[in-house]
Structure formats: C-alpha cells, structure tokens
PDB file of all heavy atoms in Angstrom:
ATOM      1  N   GLN A   1      28.851  -7.171   2.594  1.00  0.00           N
ATOM      2  CA  GLN A   1      29.304  -6.162   3.542  1.00  0.00           C
ATOM      3  C   GLN A   1      30.617  -6.601   4.168  1.00  0.00           C
ATOM      4  O   GLN A   1      30.861  -7.794   4.351  1.00  0.00           O
ATOM      5  CB  GLN A   1      28.284  -5.954   4.662  1.00  0.00           C
ATOM      6  CG  GLN A   1      26.963  -5.380   4.233  1.00  0.00           C
ATOM      7  CD  GLN A   1      26.137  -4.978   5.446  1.00  0.00           C
ATOM      8  OE1 GLN A   1      26.476  -4.054   6.175  1.00  0.00           O
ATOM      9  NE2 GLN A   1      25.047  -5.689   5.665  1.00  0.00           N
ATOM     10  N   ARG A   2      31.425  -5.626   4.537  1.00  0.00           N
ATOM     11  CA  ARG A   2      32.687  -5.963   5.169  1.00  0.00           C
ATOM     12  C   ARG A   2      32.441  -6.440   6.596  1.00  0.00           C
ATOM     13  O   ARG A   2      31.511  -5.998   7.270  1.00  0.00           O
ATOM     14  CB  ARG A   2      33.635  -4.768   5.160  1.00  0.00           C
ATOM     15  CG  ARG A   2      33.294  -3.669   6.147  1.00  0.00           C
ATOM     16  CD  ARG A   2      34.263  -2.517   6.017  1.00  0.00           C
ATOM     17  NE  ARG A   2      34.093  -1.527   7.075  1.00  0.00           N
ATOM     18  CZ  ARG A   2      34.704  -0.353   7.104  1.00  0.00           C
ATOM     19  NH1 ARG A   2      35.520  -0.022   6.108  1.00  0.00           N
ATOM     20  NH2 ARG A   2      34.511   0.490   8.088  1.00  0.00           N
ATOM     21  N   SER A   3      33.282  -7.353   7.047  1.00  0.00           N
ATOM     22  CA  SER A   3      33.226  -7.848   8.416  1.00  0.00           C
ATOM     23  C   SER A   3      34.312  -7.178   9.243  1.00  0.00           C
ATOM     24  O   SER A   3      35.330  -6.727   8.716  1.00  0.00           O
ATOM     25  CB  SER A   3      33.404  -9.368   8.444  1.00  0.00           C
ATOM     26  OG  SER A   3      32.315 -10.020   7.824  1.00  0.00           O
ATOM     27  N   ARG A   4      34.076  -7.124  10.551  1.00  0.00           N
ATOM     28  CA  ARG A   4      35.025  -6.484  11.458  1.00  0.00           C
ATOM     29  C   ARG A   4      35.513  -7.501  12.485  1.00  0.00           C
ATOM     30  O   ARG A   4      34.745  -8.327  12.968  1.00  0.00           O
ATOM     31  CB  ARG A   4      34.375  -5.315  12.209  1.00  0.00           C
ATOM     32  CG  ARG A   4      33.827  -4.233  11.315  1.00  0.00           C
ATOM     33  CD  ARG A   4      33.352  -3.037  12.165  1.00  0.00           C
ATOM     34  NE  ARG A   4      32.459  -3.472  13.236  1.00  0.00           N
ATOM     35  CZ  ARG A   4      32.486  -2.976  14.489  1.00  0.00           C
ATOM     36  NH1 ARG A   4      33.374  -2.049  14.810  1.00  0.00           N
ATOM     37  NH2 ARG A   4      31.638  -3.412  15.408  1.00  0.00           N
ATOM     38  N   ILE A   5      36.789  -7.414  12.806  1.00  0.00           N
ATOM     39  CA  ILE A   5      37.344  -8.156  13.940  1.00  0.00           C
ATOM     40  C   ILE A   5      37.681  -7.125  15.005  1.00  0.00           C
ATOM     41  O   ILE A   5      38.410  -6.158  14.734  1.00  0.00           O
ATOM     42  CB  ILE A   5      38.602  -8.951  13.543  1.00  0.00           C
ATOM     43  CG1 ILE A   5      38.274  -9.951  12.424  1.00  0.00           C
ATOM     44  CG2 ILE A   5      39.157  -9.700  14.747  1.00  0.00           C
ATOM     45  CD1 ILE A   5      39.483 -10.749  11.963  1.00  0.00           C
ATOM     46  N   VAL A   6      37.135  -7.302  16.209  1.00  0.00           N
ATOM     47  CA  VAL A   6      37.352  -6.328  17.276  1.00  0.00           C
ATOM     48  C   VAL A   6      37.975  -7.016  18.487  1.00  0.00           C
ATOM     49  O   VAL A   6      37.881  -8.231  18.658  1.00  0.00           O
ATOM     50  CB  VAL A   6      36.034  -5.639  17.677  1.00  0.00           C
ATOM     51  CG1 VAL A   6      35.443  -4.878  16.495  1.00  0.00           C
ATOM     52  CG2 VAL A   6      35.019  -6.643  18.221  1.00  0.00           C
ATOM     53  N   ASP A   7      38.604  -6.206  19.347  1.00  0.00           N
ATOM     54  CA  ASP A   7      39.234  -6.759  20.543  1.00  0.00           C
ATOM     55  C   ASP A   7      38.208  -6.929  21.652  1.00  0.00           C
ATOM     56  O   ASP A   7      37.002  -6.717  21.451  1.00  0.00           O
ATOM     57  CB  ASP A   7      40.416  -5.894  20.975  1.00  0.00           C
ATOM     58  CG  ASP A   7      39.986  -4.639  21.731  1.00  0.00           C
ATOM     59  OD1 ASP A   7      38.809  -4.225  21.617  1.00  0.00           O
ATOM     60  OD2 ASP A   7      40.828  -4.057  22.438  1.00  0.00           O
ATOM     61  N   ALA A   8      38.659  -7.309  22.832  1.00  0.00           N
ATOM     62  CA  ALA A   8      37.746  -7.600  23.934  1.00  0.00           C
ATOM     63  C   ALA A   8      36.951  -6.379  24.369  1.00  0.00           C
ATOM     64  O   ALA A   8      35.883  -6.511  24.969  1.00  0.00           O
ATOM     65  CB  ALA A   8      38.543  -8.153  25.117  1.00  0.00           C
ATOM     66  N   ASN A   9      37.449  -5.181  24.045  1.00  0.00           N
ATOM     67  CA  ASN A   9      36.757  -3.945  24.408  1.00  0.00           C
ATOM     68  C   ASN A   9      36.028  -3.318  23.228  1.00  0.00           C
ATOM     69  O   ASN A   9      35.570  -2.179  23.322  1.00  0.00           O
ATOM     70  CB  ASN A   9      37.762  -2.942  24.987  1.00  0.00           C
ATOM     71  CG  ASN A   9      38.374  -3.438  26.288  1.00  0.00           C
ATOM     72  OD1 ASN A   9      37.664  -3.898  27.182  1.00  0.00           O
ATOM     73  ND2 ASN A   9      39.696  -3.363  26.391  1.00  0.00           N
ATOM     74  N   GLY A  10      35.923  -4.035  22.131  1.00  0.00           N
ATOM     75  CA  GLY A  10      35.205  -3.538  20.964  1.00  0.00           C
ATOM     76  C   GLY A  10      36.012  -2.660  20.042  1.00  0.00           C
ATOM     77  O   GLY A  10      35.476  -2.102  19.080  1.00  0.00           O
ATOM     78  N   LYS A  11      37.308  -2.521  20.283  1.00  0.00           N
ATOM     79  CA  LYS A  11      38.161  -1.700  19.417  1.00  0.00           C
ATOM     80  C   LYS A  11      38.529  -2.492  18.158  1.00  0.00           C
ATOM     81  O   LYS A  11      38.811  -3.681  18.224  1.00  0.00           O
ATOM     82  CB  LYS A  11      39.418  -1.271  20.157  1.00  0.00           C
ATOM     83  CG  LYS A  11      39.150  -0.363  21.346  1.00  0.00           C
ATOM     84  CD  LYS A  11      40.453   0.017  22.060  1.00  0.00           C
ATOM     85  CE  LYS A  11      40.190   0.921  23.256  1.00  0.00           C
ATOM     86  NZ  LYS A  11      41.444   1.252  23.981  1.00  0.00           N
ATOM     87  N   LEU A  12      38.563  -1.789  17.037  1.00  0.00           N
ATOM     88  CA  LEU A  12      38.796  -2.442  15.757  1.00  0.00           C
ATOM     89  C   LEU A  12      40.216  -2.990  15.648  1.00  0.00           C
ATOM     90  O   LEU A  12      41.190  -2.291  15.936  1.00  0.00           O
ATOM     91  CB  LEU A  12      38.541  -1.460  14.613  1.00  0.00           C
ATOM     92  CG  LEU A  12      38.676  -2.034  13.197  1.00  0.00           C
ATOM     93  CD1 LEU A  12      37.576  -3.051  12.916  1.00  0.00           C
ATOM     94  CD2 LEU A  12      38.627  -0.910  12.163  1.00  0.00           C
ATOM     95  N   ILE A  13      40.315  -4.247  15.231  1.00  0.00           N
ATOM     96  CA  ILE A  13      41.605  -4.865  14.918  1.00  0.00           C
ATOM     97  C   ILE A  13      41.841  -4.793  13.411  1.00  0.00           C
ATOM     98  O   ILE A  13      42.889  -4.377  12.947  1.00  0.00           O
ATOM     99  CB  ILE A  13      41.639  -6.323  15.400  1.00  0.00           C
ATOM    100  CG1 ILE A  13      41.508  -6.384  16.927  1.00  0.00           C
ATOM    101  CG2 ILE A  13      42.921  -7.017  14.939  1.00  0.00           C
ATOM    102  CD1 ILE A  13      41.349  -7.796  17.460  1.00  0.00           C
ATOM    103  N   THR A  14      40.824  -5.176  12.643  1.00  0.00           N
ATOM    104  CA  THR A  14      40.904  -5.082  11.185  1.00  0.00           C
ATOM    105  C   THR A  14      39.533  -5.335  10.592  1.00  0.00           C
ATOM    106  O   THR A  14      38.576  -5.686  11.304  1.00  0.00           O
ATOM    107  CB  THR A  14      41.921  -6.083  10.608  1.00  0.00           C
ATOM    108  OG1 THR A  14      42.204  -5.753   9.237  1.00  0.00           O
ATOM    109  CG2 THR A  14      41.392  -7.503  10.654  1.00  0.00           C
ATOM    110  N   THR A  15      39.427  -5.124   9.291  1.00  0.00           N
ATOM    111  CA  THR A  15      38.213  -5.465   8.547  1.00  0.00           C
ATOM    112  C   THR A  15      38.586  -6.441   7.436  1.00  0.00           C
ATOM    113  O   THR A  15      39.745  -6.533   7.033  1.00  0.00           O
ATOM    114  CB  THR A  15      37.566  -4.211   7.924  1.00  0.00           C
ATOM    115  OG1 THR A  15      38.547  -3.519   7.124  1.00  0.00           O
ATOM    116  CG2 THR A  15      37.050  -3.278   8.996  1.00  0.00           C
ATOM    117  N   MET A  16      37.570  -7.156   6.961  1.00  0.00           N
ATOM    118  CA  MET A  16      37.769  -8.110   5.865  1.00  0.00           C
ATOM    119  C   MET A  16      36.619  -7.940   4.890  1.00  0.00           C
ATOM    120  O   MET A  16      35.464  -7.807   5.309  1.00  0.00           O
ATOM    121  CB  MET A  16      37.776  -9.547   6.395  1.00  0.00           C
ATOM    122  CG  MET A  16      38.790  -9.820   7.472  1.00  0.00           C
ATOM    123  SD  MET A  16      38.513 -11.453   8.184  1.00  0.00           S
ATOM    124  CE  MET A  16      36.861 -11.277   8.820  1.00  0.00           C
ATOM    125  N   TYR A  17      36.924  -7.963   3.623  1.00  0.00           N
ATOM    126  CA  TYR A  17      35.846  -7.787   2.653  1.00  0.00           C
ATOM    127  C   TYR A  17      36.299  -8.175   1.254  1.00  0.00           C
ATOM    128  O   TYR A  17      37.492  -8.136   0.932  1.00  0.00           O
ATOM    129  CB  TYR A  17      35.370  -6.329   2.636  1.00  0.00           C
ATOM    130  CG  TYR A  17      36.463  -5.308   2.422  1.00  0.00           C
ATOM    131  CD1 TYR A  17      36.925  -4.985   1.147  1.00  0.00           C
ATOM    132  CD2 TYR A  17      37.044  -4.657   3.509  1.00  0.00           C
ATOM    133  CE1 TYR A  17      37.922  -4.042   0.958  1.00  0.00           C
ATOM    134  CE2 TYR A  17      38.043  -3.708   3.324  1.00  0.00           C
ATOM    135  CZ  TYR A  17      38.480  -3.406   2.054  1.00  0.00           C
ATOM    136  OH  TYR A  17      39.475  -2.479   1.860  1.00  0.00           O
ATOM    137  N   ASP A  18      35.301  -8.548   0.442  1.00  0.00           N
ATOM    138  CA  ASP A  18      35.486  -8.586  -0.999  1.00  0.00           C
ATOM    139  C   ASP A  18      35.126  -7.225  -1.577  1.00  0.00           C
ATOM    140  O   ASP A  18      35.716  -6.766  -2.541  1.00  0.00           O
ATOM    141  CB  ASP A  18      34.620  -9.676  -1.622  1.00  0.00           C
ATOM    142  CG  ASP A  18      35.145 -11.076  -1.305  1.00  0.00           C
ATOM    143  OD1 ASP A  18      36.364 -11.215  -1.045  1.00  0.00           O
ATOM    144  OD2 ASP A  18      34.341 -12.028  -1.284  1.00  0.00           O
ATOM    145  N   GLU A  19      34.099  -6.584  -0.983  1.00  0.00           N
ATOM    146  CA  GLU A  19      33.724  -5.218  -1.326  1.00  0.00           C
ATOM    147  C   GLU A  19      33.618  -4.436  -0.026  1.00  0.00           C
ATOM    148  O   GLU A  19      32.896  -4.832   0.889  1.00  0.00           O
ATOM    149  CB  GLU A  19      32.384  -5.182  -2.078  1.00  0.00           C
ATOM    150  CG  GLU A  19      32.445  -5.830  -3.454  1.00  0.00           C
ATOM    151  CD  GLU A  19      31.103  -5.757  -4.181  1.00  0.00           C
ATOM    152  OE1 GLU A  19      30.092  -5.371  -3.546  1.00  0.00           O
ATOM    153  OE2 GLU A  19      31.069  -6.077  -5.383  1.00  0.00           O
ATOM    154  N   ASN A  20      34.336  -3.313   0.047  1.00  0.00           N
ATOM    155  CA  ASN A  20      34.335  -2.492   1.260  1.00  0.00           C
ATOM    156  C   ASN A  20      33.017  -1.740   1.352  1.00  0.00           C
ATOM    157  O   ASN A  20      32.856  -0.653   0.812  1.00  0.00           O
ATOM    158  CB  ASN A  20      35.509  -1.519   1.232  1.00  0.00           C
ATOM    159  CG  ASN A  20      35.549  -0.639   2.469  1.00  0.00           C
ATOM    160  OD1 ASN A  20      35.014  -1.001   3.519  1.00  0.00           O
ATOM    161  ND2 ASN A  20      36.176   0.513   2.343  1.00  0.00           N
ATOM    162  N   ARG A  21      32.057  -2.350   2.064  1.00  0.00           N
ATOM    163  CA  ARG A  21      30.714  -1.784   2.136  1.00  0.00           C
ATOM    164  C   ARG A  21      30.167  -1.914   3.552  1.00  0.00           C
ATOM    165  O   ARG A  21      30.373  -2.923   4.225  1.00  0.00           O
ATOM    166  CB  ARG A  21      29.779  -2.503   1.156  1.00  0.00           C
ATOM    167  CG  ARG A  21      28.322  -2.044   1.242  1.00  0.00           C
ATOM    168  CD  ARG A  21      27.416  -2.845   0.339  1.00  0.00           C
ATOM    169  NE  ARG A  21      27.629  -2.537  -1.075  1.00  0.00           N
ATOM    170  CZ  ARG A  21      28.183  -3.368  -1.934  1.00  0.00           C
ATOM    171  NH1 ARG A  21      28.602  -4.566  -1.527  1.00  0.00           N
ATOM    172  NH2 ARG A  21      28.339  -3.034  -3.197  1.00  0.00           N
ATOM    173  N   ILE A  22      29.472  -0.869   3.998  1.00  0.00           N
ATOM    174  CA  ILE A  22      28.736  -0.890   5.257  1.00  0.00           C
ATOM    175  C   ILE A  22      27.337  -0.371   4.943  1.00  0.00           C
ATOM    176  O   ILE A  22      27.173   0.814   4.637  1.00  0.00           O
ATOM    177  CB  ILE A  22      29.387   0.016   6.325  1.00  0.00           C
ATOM    178  CG1 ILE A  22      30.884  -0.270   6.445  1.00  0.00           C
ATOM    179  CG2 ILE A  22      28.692  -0.142   7.671  1.00  0.00           C
ATOM    180  CD1 ILE A  22      31.642   0.805   7.199  1.00  0.00           C
ATOM    181  N   THR A  23      26.337  -1.205   4.971  1.00  0.00           N
ATOM    182  CA  THR A  23      24.994  -0.762   4.591  1.00  0.00           C
ATOM    183  C   THR A  23      24.387   0.115   5.676  1.00  0.00           C
ATOM    184  O   THR A  23      24.630  -0.080   6.862  1.00  0.00           O
ATOM    185  CB  THR A  23      24.067  -1.958   4.310  1.00  0.00           C
ATOM    186  OG1 THR A  23      23.914  -2.729   5.499  1.00  0.00           O
ATOM    187  CG2 THR A  23      24.624  -2.826   3.199  1.00  0.00           C
ATOM    188  N   ARG A  24      23.596   1.076   5.237  1.00  0.00           N
ATOM    189  CA  ARG A  24      22.894   1.980   6.139  1.00  0.00           C
ATOM    190  C   ARG A  24      21.469   2.189   5.635  1.00  0.00           C
ATOM    191  O   ARG A  24      21.246   2.304   4.422  1.00  0.00           O
ATOM    192  CB  ARG A  24      23.610   3.340   6.206  1.00  0.00           C
ATOM    193  CG  ARG A  24      24.906   3.328   6.998  1.00  0.00           C
ATOM    194  CD  ARG A  24      24.624   3.132   8.479  1.00  0.00           C
ATOM    195  NE  ARG A  24      25.821   3.180   9.290  1.00  0.00           N
ATOM    196  CZ  ARG A  24      26.535   2.128   9.655  1.00  0.00           C
ATOM    197  NH1 ARG A  24      26.160   0.920   9.248  1.00  0.00           N
ATOM    198  NH2 ARG A  24      27.601   2.240  10.414  1.00  0.00           N
ATOM    199  N   PRO A  25      20.478   2.249   6.526  1.00  0.00           N
ATOM    200  CA  PRO A  25      19.116   2.575   6.094  1.00  0.00           C
ATOM    201  C   PRO A  25      19.051   4.020   5.619  1.00  0.00           C
ATOM    202  O   PRO A  25      19.898   4.851   5.967  1.00  0.00           O
ATOM    203  CB  PRO A  25      18.281   2.362   7.369  1.00  0.00           C
ATOM    204  CG  PRO A  25      19.243   2.545   8.499  1.00  0.00           C
ATOM    205  CD  PRO A  25      20.562   2.037   7.987  1.00  0.00           C
ATOM    206  N   LEU A  26      18.038   4.333   4.838  1.00  0.00           N
ATOM    207  CA  LEU A  26      17.905   5.679   4.285  1.00  0.00           C
ATOM    208  C   LEU A  26      17.830   6.726   5.399  1.00  0.00           C
ATOM    209  O   LEU A  26      18.306   7.857   5.232  1.00  0.00           O
ATOM    210  CB  LEU A  26      16.655   5.752   3.402  1.00  0.00           C
ATOM    211  CG  LEU A  26      16.609   6.854   2.339  1.00  0.00           C
ATOM    212  CD1 LEU A  26      17.770   6.728   1.371  1.00  0.00           C
ATOM    213  CD2 LEU A  26      15.281   6.822   1.586  1.00  0.00           C
ATOM    214  N   SER A  27      17.287   6.338   6.522  1.00  0.00           N
ATOM    215  CA  SER A  27      17.164   7.267   7.647  1.00  0.00           C
ATOM    216  C   SER A  27      18.515   7.645   8.232  1.00  0.00           C
ATOM    217  O   SER A  27      18.624   8.638   8.963  1.00  0.00           O
ATOM    218  CB  SER A  27      16.292   6.647   8.750  1.00  0.00           C
ATOM    219  OG  SER A  27      16.877   5.440   9.234  1.00  0.00           O
ATOM    220  N   GLN A  28      19.565   6.877   7.930  1.00  0.00           N
ATOM    221  CA  GLN A  28      20.903   7.173   8.422  1.00  0.00           C
ATOM    222  C   GLN A  28      21.811   7.711   7.319  1.00  0.00           C
ATOM    223  O   GLN A  28      23.030   7.675   7.437  1.00  0.00           O
ATOM    224  CB  GLN A  28      21.519   5.925   9.063  1.00  0.00           C
ATOM    225  CG  GLN A  28      20.814   5.494  10.340  1.00  0.00           C
ATOM    226  CD  GLN A  28      21.464   4.292  10.984  1.00  0.00           C
ATOM    227  OE1 GLN A  28      22.647   4.015  10.775  1.00  0.00           O
ATOM    228  NE2 GLN A  28      20.693   3.554  11.768  1.00  0.00           N
ATOM    229  N   ILE A  29      21.209   8.201   6.255  1.00  0.00           N
ATOM    230  CA  ILE A  29      21.939   8.864   5.176  1.00  0.00           C
ATOM    231  C   ILE A  29      21.433  10.300   5.108  1.00  0.00           C
ATOM    232  O   ILE A  29      20.225  10.539   5.087  1.00  0.00           O
ATOM    233  CB  ILE A  29      21.717   8.145   3.832  1.00  0.00           C
ATOM    234  CG1 ILE A  29      22.198   6.687   3.923  1.00  0.00           C
ATOM    235  CG2 ILE A  29      22.450   8.877   2.705  1.00  0.00           C
ATOM    236  CD1 ILE A  29      21.863   5.856   2.706  1.00  0.00           C
ATOM    237  N   SER A  30      22.339  11.240   5.096  1.00  0.00           N
ATOM    238  CA  SER A  30      21.928  12.640   5.179  1.00  0.00           C
ATOM    239  C   SER A  30      20.976  13.008   4.043  1.00  0.00           C
ATOM    240  O   SER A  30      21.111  12.527   2.908  1.00  0.00           O
ATOM    241  CB  SER A  30      23.151  13.563   5.151  1.00  0.00           C
ATOM    242  OG  SER A  30      23.676  13.672   3.844  1.00  0.00           O
ATOM    243  N   ARG A  31      19.994  13.858   4.370  1.00  0.00           N
ATOM    244  CA  ARG A  31      19.036  14.309   3.368  1.00  0.00           C
ATOM    245  C   ARG A  31      19.751  15.008   2.226  1.00  0.00           C
ATOM    246  O   ARG A  31      19.362  14.888   1.057  1.00  0.00           O
ATOM    247  CB  ARG A  31      18.021  15.252   4.032  1.00  0.00           C
ATOM    248  CG  ARG A  31      16.922  15.735   3.116  1.00  0.00           C
ATOM    249  CD  ARG A  31      16.057  14.594   2.635  1.00  0.00           C
ATOM    250  NE  ARG A  31      15.037  15.041   1.697  1.00  0.00           N
ATOM    251  CZ  ARG A  31      14.341  14.213   0.929  1.00  0.00           C
ATOM    252  NH1 ARG A  31      14.564  12.905   0.994  1.00  0.00           N
ATOM    253  NH2 ARG A  31      13.418  14.679   0.115  1.00  0.00           N
ATOM    254  N   THR A  32      20.805  15.721   2.541  1.00  0.00           N
ATOM    255  CA  THR A  32      21.578  16.425   1.510  1.00  0.00           C
ATOM    256  C   THR A  32      22.176  15.440   0.518  1.00  0.00           C
ATOM    257  O   THR A  32      22.206  15.697  -0.692  1.00  0.00           O
ATOM    258  CB  THR A  32      22.695  17.255   2.161  1.00  0.00           C
ATOM    259  OG1 THR A  32      22.126  18.142   3.115  1.00  0.00           O
ATOM    260  CG2 THR A  32      23.464  18.044   1.117  1.00  0.00           C
ATOM    261  N   MET A  33      22.664  14.301   1.027  1.00  0.00           N
ATOM    262  CA  MET A  33      23.233  13.285   0.136  1.00  0.00           C
ATOM    263  C   MET A  33      22.160  12.712  -0.778  1.00  0.00           C
ATOM    264  O   MET A  33      22.389  12.521  -1.983  1.00  0.00           O
ATOM    265  CB  MET A  33      23.865  12.167   0.981  1.00  0.00           C
ATOM    266  CG  MET A  33      24.513  11.065   0.153  1.00  0.00           C
ATOM    267  SD  MET A  33      25.972  11.646  -0.747  1.00  0.00           S
ATOM    268  CE  MET A  33      25.804  10.741  -2.295  1.00  0.00           C
TER     269      MET A  33
END
C-alpha cells in the first residue's frame, strides 16, 4: 500500500509507493462496483 506524508494538520504533503494502492474492505466498495 502507498504511504502518506502529512503536515502537522493532517494535510497531504506527498505519497510514496511501489504500487499506488489504498486497500478498502468490501463494505467500503460500492455495491454497483
């Protein structure tokens, strides 16, 4: 999964990855998908 670097307020600075992936449980994937 890709990692995130965020600032002191949680705002994204950048991401790092070998594969650009963010895992999600099936419950967070639309039924239509």
